[in-house]
Amino acid sequence: MKYLLRVRGVTRKDRIRNDIIRENLQIQSMQAFIEQRQLSWWGHLQRMNNDIPVKKIWEARTQGKRNRGRPKETWNKIVVKHILKRKGSTWTKTKQMAQNRKK
């Protein structure tokens, strides 16, 4: 943000919100950028052929009895579902949309 403030020609004393500065410079926030890249990777995984080892490992589930307590959370459940919920989309709708790379 220090760099963006200098580009915009304002200081912290001007008390302009970071959102407004990013909007004026047409730059997305780091969080939005990271979420976009994470969804991009998830879409890439969804489009992969099922025979590729990376996809097999990604979808693999451990065998046997699990330990007591809360089930382990996966990256899909924690990150992807949280991002999709914030964007107002559902898991199945997004999974279908991921099959078309342009979308």
PDB file of N, CA and C in Angstrom:
ATOM      1  N   MET A   1       0.824  -1.194   0.000  1.00  0.00           N
ATOM      2  CA  MET A   1       0.000   0.000   0.000  1.00  0.00           C
ATOM      3  C   MET A   1       0.868   1.258   0.000  1.00  0.00           C
ATOM      4  N   LYS A   2       2.076   1.185   0.596  1.00  0.00           N
ATOM      5  CA  LYS A   2       2.954   2.355   0.583  1.00  0.00           C
ATOM      6  C   LYS A   2       3.256   2.776  -0.850  1.00  0.00           C
ATOM      7  N   TYR A   3       3.532   1.788  -1.682  1.00  0.00           N
ATOM      8  CA  TYR A   3       3.834   2.079  -3.080  1.00  0.00           C
ATOM      9  C   TYR A   3       2.626   2.708  -3.770  1.00  0.00           C
ATOM     10  N   LEU A   4       1.455   2.148  -3.541  1.00  0.00           N
ATOM     11  CA  LEU A   4       0.240   2.666  -4.181  1.00  0.00           C
ATOM     12  C   LEU A   4      -0.068   4.080  -3.701  1.00  0.00           C
ATOM     13  N   LEU A   5       0.185   4.345  -2.429  1.00  0.00           N
ATOM     14  CA  LEU A   5      -0.017   5.705  -1.917  1.00  0.00           C
ATOM     15  C   LEU A   5       0.886   6.694  -2.644  1.00  0.00           C
ATOM     16  N   ARG A   6       2.138   6.313  -2.840  1.00  0.00           N
ATOM     17  CA  ARG A   6       3.078   7.202  -3.519  1.00  0.00           C
ATOM     18  C   ARG A   6       2.689   7.393  -4.982  1.00  0.00           C
ATOM     19  N   VAL A   7       2.234   6.334  -5.630  1.00  0.00           N
ATOM     20  CA  VAL A   7       1.798   6.442  -7.023  1.00  0.00           C
ATOM     21  C   VAL A   7       0.616   7.394  -7.120  1.00  0.00           C
ATOM     22  N   ARG A   8      -0.280   7.286  -6.182  1.00  0.00           N
ATOM     23  CA  ARG A   8      -1.486   8.121  -6.166  1.00  0.00           C
ATOM     24  C   ARG A   8      -1.167   9.558  -5.727  1.00  0.00           C
ATOM     25  N   GLY A   9      -0.054   9.738  -5.019  1.00  0.00           N
ATOM     26  CA  GLY A   9       0.339  11.073  -4.588  1.00  0.00           C
ATOM     27  C   GLY A   9      -0.353  11.540  -3.322  1.00  0.00           C
ATOM     28  N   VAL A  10      -0.697  10.586  -2.452  1.00  0.00           N
ATOM     29  CA  VAL A  10      -1.333  10.929  -1.179  1.00  0.00           C
ATOM     30  C   VAL A  10      -0.498  10.350  -0.045  1.00  0.00           C
ATOM     31  N   THR A  11      -0.762  10.798   1.165  1.00  0.00           N
ATOM     32  CA  THR A  11      -0.077  10.275   2.337  1.00  0.00           C
ATOM     33  C   THR A  11      -1.107   9.674   3.277  1.00  0.00           C
ATOM     34  N   ARG A  12      -0.626   9.007   4.315  1.00  0.00           N
ATOM     35  CA  ARG A  12      -1.529   8.431   5.310  1.00  0.00           C
ATOM     36  C   ARG A  12      -2.298   9.526   6.044  1.00  0.00           C
ATOM     37  N   LYS A  13      -1.715  10.703   6.113  1.00  0.00           N
ATOM     38  CA  LYS A  13      -2.385  11.820   6.793  1.00  0.00           C
ATOM     39  C   LYS A  13      -3.646  12.253   6.053  1.00  0.00           C
ATOM     40  N   ASP A  14      -3.720  11.964   4.756  1.00  0.00           N
ATOM     41  CA  ASP A  14      -4.921  12.305   3.982  1.00  0.00           C
ATOM     42  C   ASP A  14      -6.111  11.417   4.345  1.00  0.00           C
ATOM     43  N   ARG A  15      -5.830  10.310   5.024  1.00  0.00           N
ATOM     44  CA  ARG A  15      -6.857   9.404   5.536  1.00  0.00           C
ATOM     45  C   ARG A  15      -7.820   8.922   4.455  1.00  0.00           C
ATOM     46  N   ILE A  16      -7.252   8.466   3.360  1.00  0.00           N
ATOM     47  CA  ILE A  16      -8.042   7.873   2.279  1.00  0.00           C
ATOM     48  C   ILE A  16      -7.978   6.364   2.435  1.00  0.00           C
ATOM     49  N   ARG A  17      -9.129   5.722   2.370  1.00  0.00           N
ATOM     50  CA  ARG A  17      -9.191   4.271   2.577  1.00  0.00           C
ATOM     51  C   ARG A  17      -8.443   3.523   1.475  1.00  0.00           C
ATOM     52  N   ASN A  18      -7.849   2.405   1.858  1.00  0.00           N
ATOM     53  CA  ASN A  18      -7.096   1.584   0.911  1.00  0.00           C
ATOM     54  C   ASN A  18      -7.964   1.106  -0.244  1.00  0.00           C
ATOM     55  N   ASP A  19      -9.227   0.781   0.049  1.00  0.00           N
ATOM     56  CA  ASP A  19     -10.151   0.318  -0.994  1.00  0.00           C
ATOM     57  C   ASP A  19     -10.303   1.371  -2.093  1.00  0.00           C
ATOM     58  N   ILE A  20     -10.427   2.607  -1.677  1.00  0.00           N
ATOM     59  CA  ILE A  20     -10.628   3.694  -2.629  1.00  0.00           C
ATOM     60  C   ILE A  20      -9.381   3.889  -3.490  1.00  0.00           C
ATOM     61  N   ILE A  21      -8.203   3.800  -2.878  1.00  0.00           N
ATOM     62  CA  ILE A  21      -6.954   3.955  -3.623  1.00  0.00           C
ATOM     63  C   ILE A  21      -6.810   2.828  -4.645  1.00  0.00           C
ATOM     64  N   ARG A  22      -7.090   1.582  -4.228  1.00  0.00           N
ATOM     65  CA  ARG A  22      -7.013   0.455  -5.157  1.00  0.00           C
ATOM     66  C   ARG A  22      -8.024   0.594  -6.275  1.00  0.00           C
ATOM     67  N   GLU A  23      -9.208   1.070  -5.943  1.00  0.00           N
ATOM     68  CA  GLU A  23     -10.256   1.260  -6.951  1.00  0.00           C
ATOM     69  C   GLU A  23      -9.837   2.316  -7.972  1.00  0.00           C
ATOM     70  N   ASN A  24      -9.271   3.412  -7.506  1.00  0.00           N
ATOM     71  CA  ASN A  24      -8.833   4.471  -8.407  1.00  0.00           C
ATOM     72  C   ASN A  24      -7.716   4.005  -9.339  1.00  0.00           C
ATOM     73  N   LEU A  25      -6.835   3.168  -8.819  1.00  0.00           N
ATOM     74  CA  LEU A  25      -5.721   2.668  -9.622  1.00  0.00           C
ATOM     75  C   LEU A  25      -6.082   1.391 -10.379  1.00  0.00           C
ATOM     76  N   GLN A  26      -7.299   0.909 -10.193  1.00  0.00           N
ATOM     77  CA  GLN A  26      -7.810  -0.303 -10.832  1.00  0.00           C
ATOM     78  C   GLN A  26      -6.919  -1.507 -10.534  1.00  0.00           C
ATOM     79  N   ILE A  27      -6.613  -1.689  -9.252  1.00  0.00           N
ATOM     80  CA  ILE A  27      -5.800  -2.807  -8.777  1.00  0.00           C
ATOM     81  C   ILE A  27      -6.630  -3.593  -7.769  1.00  0.00           C
ATOM     82  N   GLN A  28      -6.637  -4.925  -7.916  1.00  0.00           N
ATOM     83  CA  GLN A  28      -7.393  -5.743  -6.967  1.00  0.00           C
ATOM     84  C   GLN A  28      -6.565  -5.987  -5.709  1.00  0.00           C
ATOM     85  N   SER A  29      -7.239  -6.325  -4.637  1.00  0.00           N
ATOM     86  CA  SER A  29      -6.550  -6.580  -3.374  1.00  0.00           C
ATOM     87  C   SER A  29      -5.768  -7.884  -3.457  1.00  0.00           C
ATOM     88  N   MET A  30      -4.804  -8.049  -2.569  1.00  0.00           N
ATOM     89  CA  MET A  30      -4.005  -9.272  -2.541  1.00  0.00           C
ATOM     90  C   MET A  30      -4.880 -10.485  -2.243  1.00  0.00           C
ATOM     91  N   GLN A  31      -5.855 -10.318  -1.371  1.00  0.00           N
ATOM     92  CA  GLN A  31      -6.736 -11.429  -1.029  1.00  0.00           C
ATOM     93  C   GLN A  31      -7.525 -11.878  -2.262  1.00  0.00           C
ATOM     94  N   ALA A  32      -8.045 -10.923  -3.018  1.00  0.00           N
ATOM     95  CA  ALA A  32      -8.797 -11.267  -4.230  1.00  0.00           C
ATOM     96  C   ALA A  32      -7.894 -11.959  -5.246  1.00  0.00           C
ATOM     97  N   PHE A  33      -6.657 -11.500  -5.367  1.00  0.00           N
ATOM     98  CA  PHE A  33      -5.712 -12.102  -6.297  1.00  0.00           C
ATOM     99  C   PHE A  33      -5.390 -13.535  -5.895  1.00  0.00           C
ATOM    100  N   ILE A  34      -5.135 -13.753  -4.602  1.00  0.00           N
ATOM    101  CA  ILE A  34      -4.815 -15.093  -4.115  1.00  0.00           C
ATOM    102  C   ILE A  34      -6.002 -16.030  -4.308  1.00  0.00           C
ATOM    103  N   GLU A  35      -7.203 -15.561  -4.001  1.00  0.00           N
ATOM    104  CA  GLU A  35      -8.392 -16.392  -4.184  1.00  0.00           C
ATOM    105  C   GLU A  35      -8.595 -16.743  -5.651  1.00  0.00           C
ATOM    106  N   GLN A  36      -8.338 -15.798  -6.530  1.00  0.00           N
ATOM    107  CA  GLN A  36      -8.465 -16.047  -7.970  1.00  0.00           C
ATOM    108  C   GLN A  36      -7.486 -17.140  -8.402  1.00  0.00           C
ATOM    109  N   ARG A  37      -6.256 -17.086  -7.922  1.00  0.00           N
ATOM    110  CA  ARG A  37      -5.250 -18.084  -8.272  1.00  0.00           C
ATOM    111  C   ARG A  37      -5.604 -19.452  -7.681  1.00  0.00           C
ATOM    112  N   GLN A  38      -6.152 -19.472  -6.459  1.00  0.00           N
ATOM    113  CA  GLN A  38      -6.540 -20.730  -5.837  1.00  0.00           C
ATOM    114  C   GLN A  38      -7.672 -21.392  -6.618  1.00  0.00           C
ATOM    115  N   LEU A  39      -8.654 -20.606  -7.025  1.00  0.00           N
ATOM    116  CA  LEU A  39      -9.751 -21.156  -7.822  1.00  0.00           C
ATOM    117  C   LEU A  39      -9.254 -21.602  -9.194  1.00  0.00           C
ATOM    118  N   SER A  40      -8.276 -20.903  -9.719  1.00  0.00           N
ATOM    119  CA  SER A  40      -7.688 -21.291 -10.995  1.00  0.00           C
ATOM    120  C   SER A  40      -7.031 -22.668 -10.884  1.00  0.00           C
ATOM    121  N   TRP A  41      -6.281 -22.892  -9.806  1.00  0.00           N
ATOM    122  CA  TRP A  41      -5.645 -24.188  -9.574  1.00  0.00           C
ATOM    123  C   TRP A  41      -6.689 -25.269  -9.366  1.00  0.00           C
ATOM    124  N   TRP A  42      -7.725 -24.960  -8.615  1.00  0.00           N
ATOM    125  CA  TRP A  42      -8.795 -25.934  -8.365  1.00  0.00           C
ATOM    126  C   TRP A  42      -9.478 -26.317  -9.680  1.00  0.00           C
ATOM    127  N   GLY A  43      -9.739 -25.326 -10.523  1.00  0.00           N
ATOM    128  CA  GLY A  43     -10.333 -25.601 -11.833  1.00  0.00           C
ATOM    129  C   GLY A  43      -9.415 -26.464 -12.684  1.00  0.00           C
ATOM    130  N   HIS A  44      -8.126 -26.198 -12.611  1.00  0.00           N
ATOM    131  CA  HIS A  44      -7.145 -27.000 -13.338  1.00  0.00           C
ATOM    132  C   HIS A  44      -7.217 -28.454 -12.886  1.00  0.00           C
ATOM    133  N   LEU A  45      -7.316 -28.665 -11.582  1.00  0.00           N
ATOM    134  CA  LEU A  45      -7.437 -30.021 -11.051  1.00  0.00           C
ATOM    135  C   LEU A  45      -8.718 -30.688 -11.523  1.00  0.00           C
ATOM    136  N   GLN A  46      -9.801 -29.936 -11.591  1.00  0.00           N
ATOM    137  CA  GLN A  46     -11.082 -30.504 -12.004  1.00  0.00           C
ATOM    138  C   GLN A  46     -11.058 -30.932 -13.475  1.00  0.00           C
ATOM    139  N   ARG A  47     -10.322 -30.200 -14.302  1.00  0.00           N
ATOM    140  CA  ARG A  47     -10.255 -30.513 -15.728  1.00  0.00           C
ATOM    141  C   ARG A  47      -9.285 -31.648 -16.048  1.00  0.00           C
ATOM    142  N   MET A  48      -8.419 -32.001 -15.099  1.00  0.00           N
ATOM    143  CA  MET A  48      -7.425 -33.054 -15.350  1.00  0.00           C
ATOM    144  C   MET A  48      -8.093 -34.384 -15.642  1.00  0.00           C
ATOM    145  N   ASN A  49      -7.391 -35.173 -16.457  1.00  0.00           N
ATOM    146  CA  ASN A  49      -7.823 -36.528 -16.747  1.00  0.00           C
ATOM    147  C   ASN A  49      -7.675 -37.355 -15.462  1.00  0.00           C
ATOM    148  N   ASN A  50      -8.572 -38.278 -15.231  1.00  0.00           N
ATOM    149  CA  ASN A  50      -8.542 -39.081 -14.003  1.00  0.00           C
ATOM    150  C   ASN A  50      -7.354 -40.020 -13.922  1.00  0.00           C
ATOM    151  N   ASP A  51      -6.659 -40.261 -15.041  1.00  0.00           N
ATOM    152  CA  ASP A  51      -5.514 -41.166 -15.047  1.00  0.00           C
ATOM    153  C   ASP A  51      -4.226 -40.492 -14.603  1.00  0.00           C
ATOM    154  N   ILE A  52      -4.199 -39.178 -14.507  1.00  0.00           N
ATOM    155  CA  ILE A  52      -2.991 -38.451 -14.126  1.00  0.00           C
ATOM    156  C   ILE A  52      -2.723 -38.678 -12.637  1.00  0.00           C
ATOM    157  N   PRO A  53      -1.474 -39.006 -12.273  1.00  0.00           N
ATOM    158  CA  PRO A  53      -1.156 -39.297 -10.863  1.00  0.00           C
ATOM    159  C   PRO A  53      -1.517 -38.161  -9.895  1.00  0.00           C
ATOM    160  N   VAL A  54      -1.345 -36.925 -10.310  1.00  0.00           N
ATOM    161  CA  VAL A  54      -1.673 -35.800  -9.421  1.00  0.00           C
ATOM    162  C   VAL A  54      -3.149 -35.828  -9.054  1.00  0.00           C
ATOM    163  N   LYS A  55      -4.001 -36.091 -10.025  1.00  0.00           N
ATOM    164  CA  LYS A  55      -5.444 -36.135  -9.762  1.00  0.00           C
ATOM    165  C   LYS A  55      -5.784 -37.331  -8.866  1.00  0.00           C
ATOM    166  N   LYS A  56      -5.118 -38.469  -9.100  1.00  0.00           N
ATOM    167  CA  LYS A  56      -5.369 -39.646  -8.266  1.00  0.00           C
ATOM    168  C   LYS A  56      -5.008 -39.365  -6.811  1.00  0.00           C
ATOM    169  N   ILE A  57      -3.868 -38.732  -6.606  1.00  0.00           N
ATOM    170  CA  ILE A  57      -3.431 -38.406  -5.246  1.00  0.00           C
ATOM    171  C   ILE A  57      -4.371 -37.382  -4.622  1.00  0.00           C
ATOM    172  N   TRP A  58      -4.787 -36.392  -5.398  1.00  0.00           N
ATOM    173  CA  TRP A  58      -5.664 -35.334  -4.902  1.00  0.00           C
ATOM    174  C   TRP A  58      -6.980 -35.903  -4.399  1.00  0.00           C
ATOM    175  N   GLU A  59      -7.526 -36.873  -5.141  1.00  0.00           N
ATOM    176  CA  GLU A  59      -8.832 -37.432  -4.782  1.00  0.00           C
ATOM    177  C   GLU A  59      -8.733 -38.666  -3.898  1.00  0.00           C
ATOM    178  N   ALA A  60      -7.517 -39.093  -3.552  1.00  0.00           N
ATOM    179  CA  ALA A  60      -7.331 -40.287  -2.730  1.00  0.00           C
ATOM    180  C   ALA A  60      -7.854 -40.053  -1.314  1.00  0.00           C
ATOM    181  N   ARG A  61      -8.386 -41.088  -0.752  1.00  0.00           N
ATOM    182  CA  ARG A  61      -8.860 -41.063   0.626  1.00  0.00           C
ATOM    183  C   ARG A  61      -8.139 -42.148   1.399  1.00  0.00           C
ATOM    184  N   THR A  62      -7.782 -41.872   2.633  1.00  0.00           N
ATOM    185  CA  THR A  62      -7.083 -42.863   3.430  1.00  0.00           C
ATOM    186  C   THR A  62      -8.026 -43.998   3.815  1.00  0.00           C
ATOM    187  N   GLN A  63      -7.456 -45.166   3.928  1.00  0.00           N
ATOM    188  CA  GLN A  63      -8.225 -46.347   4.295  1.00  0.00           C
ATOM    189  C   GLN A  63      -8.076 -46.598   5.790  1.00  0.00           C
ATOM    190  N   GLY A  64      -9.020 -47.286   6.338  1.00  0.00           N
ATOM    191  CA  GLY A  64      -8.926 -47.670   7.742  1.00  0.00           C
ATOM    192  C   GLY A  64      -9.779 -46.795   8.634  1.00  0.00           C
ATOM    193  N   LYS A  65      -9.635 -47.043   9.913  1.00  0.00           N
ATOM    194  CA  LYS A  65     -10.428 -46.341  10.905  1.00  0.00           C
ATOM    195  C   LYS A  65      -9.772 -45.011  11.243  1.00  0.00           C
ATOM    196  N   ARG A  66     -10.576 -43.978  11.296  1.00  0.00           N
ATOM    197  CA  ARG A  66     -10.024 -42.672  11.632  1.00  0.00           C
ATOM    198  C   ARG A  66     -10.033 -42.480  13.145  1.00  0.00           C
ATOM    199  N   ASN A  67      -9.257 -41.531  13.612  1.00  0.00           N
ATOM    200  CA  ASN A  67      -9.167 -41.253  15.043  1.00  0.00           C
ATOM    201  C   ASN A  67     -10.438 -40.588  15.554  1.00  0.00           C
ATOM    202  N   ARG A  68     -10.568 -40.561  16.857  1.00  0.00           N
ATOM    203  CA  ARG A  68     -11.710 -39.893  17.478  1.00  0.00           C
ATOM    204  C   ARG A  68     -11.650 -38.398  17.214  1.00  0.00           C
ATOM    205  N   GLY A  69     -12.809 -37.774  17.298  1.00  0.00           N
ATOM    206  CA  GLY A  69     -12.855 -36.325  17.186  1.00  0.00           C
ATOM    207  C   GLY A  69     -13.366 -35.857  15.840  1.00  0.00           C
ATOM    208  N   ARG A  70     -13.195 -34.595  15.645  1.00  0.00           N
ATOM    209  CA  ARG A  70     -13.676 -33.951  14.428  1.00  0.00           C
ATOM    210  C   ARG A  70     -12.920 -34.480  13.204  1.00  0.00           C
ATOM    211  N   PRO A  71     -13.634 -34.738  12.092  1.00  0.00           N
ATOM    212  CA  PRO A  71     -12.948 -35.191  10.877  1.00  0.00           C
ATOM    213  C   PRO A  71     -11.965 -34.132  10.378  1.00  0.00           C
ATOM    214  N   LYS A  72     -10.892 -34.583   9.771  1.00  0.00           N
ATOM    215  CA  LYS A  72      -9.879 -33.676   9.254  1.00  0.00           C
ATOM    216  C   LYS A  72     -10.463 -32.838   8.116  1.00  0.00           C
ATOM    217  N   GLU A  73     -10.115 -31.570   8.122  1.00  0.00           N
ATOM    218  CA  GLU A  73     -10.565 -30.673   7.069  1.00  0.00           C
ATOM    219  C   GLU A  73      -9.572 -30.726   5.912  1.00  0.00           C
ATOM    220  N   THR A  74     -10.080 -30.687   4.703  1.00  0.00           N
ATOM    221  CA  THR A  74      -9.219 -30.683   3.530  1.00  0.00           C
ATOM    222  C   THR A  74      -9.188 -29.282   2.931  1.00  0.00           C
ATOM    223  N   TRP A  75      -8.238 -29.074   2.025  1.00  0.00           N
ATOM    224  CA  TRP A  75      -8.123 -27.773   1.356  1.00  0.00           C
ATOM    225  C   TRP A  75      -9.410 -27.444   0.610  1.00  0.00           C
ATOM    226  N   ASN A  76     -10.021 -28.467   0.014  1.00  0.00           N
ATOM    227  CA  ASN A  76     -11.289 -28.256  -0.695  1.00  0.00           C
ATOM    228  C   ASN A  76     -12.358 -27.706   0.241  1.00  0.00           C
ATOM    229  N   LYS A  77     -12.479 -28.340   1.391  1.00  0.00           N
ATOM    230  CA  LYS A  77     -13.536 -27.957   2.319  1.00  0.00           C
ATOM    231  C   LYS A  77     -13.283 -26.592   2.947  1.00  0.00           C
ATOM    232  N   ILE A  78     -12.039 -26.329   3.286  1.00  0.00           N
ATOM    233  CA  ILE A  78     -11.737 -25.081   3.982  1.00  0.00           C
ATOM    234  C   ILE A  78     -11.683 -23.903   3.023  1.00  0.00           C
ATOM    235  N   VAL A  79     -10.800 -23.983   2.059  1.00  0.00           N
ATOM    236  CA  VAL A  79     -10.508 -22.831   1.214  1.00  0.00           C
ATOM    237  C   VAL A  79     -11.524 -22.663   0.093  1.00  0.00           C
ATOM    238  N   VAL A  80     -11.677 -23.686  -0.724  1.00  0.00           N
ATOM    239  CA  VAL A  80     -12.510 -23.554  -1.919  1.00  0.00           C
ATOM    240  C   VAL A  80     -13.966 -23.288  -1.554  1.00  0.00           C
ATOM    241  N   LYS A  81     -14.517 -24.038  -0.627  1.00  0.00           N
ATOM    242  CA  LYS A  81     -15.917 -23.816  -0.250  1.00  0.00           C
ATOM    243  C   LYS A  81     -16.125 -22.428   0.350  1.00  0.00           C
ATOM    244  N   HIS A  82     -15.160 -21.956   1.123  1.00  0.00           N
ATOM    245  CA  HIS A  82     -15.250 -20.622   1.717  1.00  0.00           C
ATOM    246  C   HIS A  82     -15.255 -19.539   0.628  1.00  0.00           C
ATOM    247  N   ILE A  83     -14.374 -19.682  -0.354  1.00  0.00           N
ATOM    248  CA  ILE A  83     -14.313 -18.711  -1.448  1.00  0.00           C
ATOM    249  C   ILE A  83     -15.603 -18.741  -2.262  1.00  0.00           C
ATOM    250  N   LEU A  84     -16.078 -19.946  -2.564  1.00  0.00           N
ATOM    251  CA  LEU A  84     -17.305 -20.074  -3.360  1.00  0.00           C
ATOM    252  C   LEU A  84     -18.506 -19.506  -2.612  1.00  0.00           C
ATOM    253  N   LYS A  85     -18.540 -19.722  -1.318  1.00  0.00           N
ATOM    254  CA  LYS A  85     -19.643 -19.193  -0.514  1.00  0.00           C
ATOM    255  C   LYS A  85     -19.644 -17.665  -0.557  1.00  0.00           C
ATOM    256  N   ARG A  86     -18.450 -17.064  -0.443  1.00  0.00           N
ATOM    257  CA  ARG A  86     -18.347 -15.602  -0.483  1.00  0.00           C
ATOM    258  C   ARG A  86     -18.725 -15.045  -1.855  1.00  0.00           C
ATOM    259  N   LYS A  87     -18.442 -15.810  -2.905  1.00  0.00           N
ATOM    260  CA  LYS A  87     -18.758 -15.365  -4.259  1.00  0.00           C
ATOM    261  C   LYS A  87     -20.202 -15.679  -4.633  1.00  0.00           C
ATOM    262  N   GLY A  88     -20.904 -16.421  -3.775  1.00  0.00           N
ATOM    263  CA  GLY A  88     -22.314 -16.723  -4.011  1.00  0.00           C
ATOM    264  C   GLY A  88     -22.523 -17.842  -5.019  1.00  0.00           C
ATOM    265  N   SER A  89     -21.604 -18.779  -5.065  1.00  0.00           N
ATOM    266  CA  SER A  89     -21.713 -19.890  -6.000  1.00  0.00           C
ATOM    267  C   SER A  89     -21.771 -21.198  -5.219  1.00  0.00           C
ATOM    268  N   THR A  90     -22.211 -22.249  -5.894  1.00  0.00           N
ATOM    269  CA  THR A  90     -22.293 -23.559  -5.248  1.00  0.00           C
ATOM    270  C   THR A  90     -21.198 -24.466  -5.784  1.00  0.00           C
ATOM    271  N   TRP A  91     -20.943 -25.540  -5.044  1.00  0.00           N
ATOM    272  CA  TRP A  91     -19.885 -26.478  -5.398  1.00  0.00           C
ATOM    273  C   TRP A  91     -20.165 -27.128  -6.758  1.00  0.00           C
ATOM    274  N   THR A  92     -21.377 -27.658  -6.941  1.00  0.00           N
ATOM    275  CA  THR A  92     -21.687 -28.379  -8.179  1.00  0.00           C
ATOM    276  C   THR A  92     -21.698 -27.445  -9.384  1.00  0.00           C
ATOM    277  N   LYS A  93     -22.260 -26.262  -9.212  1.00  0.00           N
ATOM    278  CA  LYS A  93     -22.309 -25.288 -10.309  1.00  0.00           C
ATOM    279  C   LYS A  93     -20.894 -24.898 -10.742  1.00  0.00           C
ATOM    280  N   THR A  94     -20.029 -24.679  -9.785  1.00  0.00           N
ATOM    281  CA  THR A  94     -18.661 -24.277 -10.086  1.00  0.00           C
ATOM    282  C   THR A  94     -17.875 -25.437 -10.681  1.00  0.00           C
ATOM    283  N   LYS A  95     -18.141 -26.643 -10.225  1.00  0.00           N
ATOM    284  CA  LYS A  95     -17.446 -27.811 -10.769  1.00  0.00           C
ATOM    285  C   LYS A  95     -17.806 -28.003 -12.238  1.00  0.00           C
ATOM    286  N   GLN A  96     -19.071 -27.779 -12.590  1.00  0.00           N
ATOM    287  CA  GLN A  96     -19.486 -27.860 -13.988  1.00  0.00           C
ATOM    288  C   GLN A  96     -18.855 -26.732 -14.800  1.00  0.00           C
ATOM    289  N   MET A  97     -18.813 -25.543 -14.219  1.00  0.00           N
ATOM    290  CA  MET A  97     -18.242 -24.391 -14.893  1.00  0.00           C
ATOM    291  C   MET A  97     -16.737 -24.576 -15.108  1.00  0.00           C
ATOM    292  N   ALA A  98     -16.064 -25.279 -14.210  1.00  0.00           N
ATOM    293  CA  ALA A  98     -14.627 -25.505 -14.309  1.00  0.00           C
ATOM    294  C   ALA A  98     -14.259 -26.359 -15.516  1.00  0.00           C
ATOM    295  N   GLN A  99     -15.190 -27.138 -16.019  1.00  0.00           N
ATOM    296  CA  GLN A  99     -14.905 -27.977 -17.178  1.00  0.00           C
ATOM    297  C   GLN A  99     -14.656 -27.144 -18.427  1.00  0.00           C
ATOM    298  N   ASN A 100     -15.228 -25.940 -18.460  1.00  0.00           N
ATOM    299  CA  ASN A 100     -14.990 -25.017 -19.561  1.00  0.00           C
ATOM    300  C   ASN A 100     -13.940 -24.011 -19.093  1.00  0.00           C
ATOM    301  N   ARG A 101     -12.746 -24.079 -19.638  1.00  0.00           N
ATOM    302  CA  ARG A 101     -11.623 -23.275 -19.158  1.00  0.00           C
ATOM    303  C   ARG A 101     -11.875 -21.774 -19.282  1.00  0.00           C
ATOM    304  N   LYS A 102     -12.571 -21.357 -20.324  1.00  0.00           N
ATOM    305  CA  LYS A 102     -12.819 -19.929 -20.531  1.00  0.00           C
ATOM    306  C   LYS A 102     -13.685 -19.332 -19.430  1.00  0.00           C
ATOM    307  N   LYS A 103     -14.620 -20.108 -18.906  1.00  0.00           N
ATOM    308  CA  LYS A 103     -15.491 -19.617 -17.828  1.00  0.00           C
ATOM    309  C   LYS A 103     -14.717 -19.506 -16.551  1.00  0.00           C
TER     310      LYS A 103
END
